[in-house]
Amino acid sequence: MSRPAHLNPVLILVVAAGGAVGTLARYGLSTAIPSRGGWPLSTLVENLVGAFLLGLLLEALVRAGDETPRRRLVRLGAGTGVLGGFTTFSTFALEVEHLLATGASGAALGYFAASLIGGFLTCLAGITLAAGRHRRRTQAVPIDPNQDPGQDTGQDTGQDTGKDSDQGATSVRRRDGERS
């Protein structure tokens, strides 16, 4: 029986190291993007970029197949660690509260809505990008390099090409190396 992930010292170290990297990146971005008129622009950018990258990463990992030890390290190190340290819900909540406390309720509402709606949309964009990339990579391509990639082999349409496997029917492979 294997040890649960939250008790595995290696996985804890991977998450901690990733969190340190993500936190430093957030600090760097926060100092590079100043607040404009009390609007916490840097936190908004960090959370939107983080949502996009998290959608991209997790969709790519899901489409890669079952979780392997290596994929688990990537998910925990890059997803939980780096992107968890890069994004910040606590700062977002504190900034909304600060805007409300200073009487800027319109700015607070706009910031709140931009963060939630923008986070959802950027995450969806990351998922869509990863899904499209996976779809392009797994499309059938001919094994014969002299064969026109657009040439109809009859396999996709179900048409009979007049050849079977003993007569040299063209087999195809997906770009991920699997044959079909």
Foldseek 3Di string as FASTA:
>chain_A
DDDDLVPDPVLVVLQQVLLVQQQVVLVVQDVVDDADPLQSVSLLVQLLVLLLVLLQLVLLLVLVDDDDPVNSSCCNNNPNRNSVNNHDPPVLVVSLVVCVVVVNPVSSVVSVVCSVVSSVVSSVVSNVVNVVVSVQQFDKAWPPPVDDRVDDLCPVVVDDPVDDPVRDRTWIGGNVGHTD
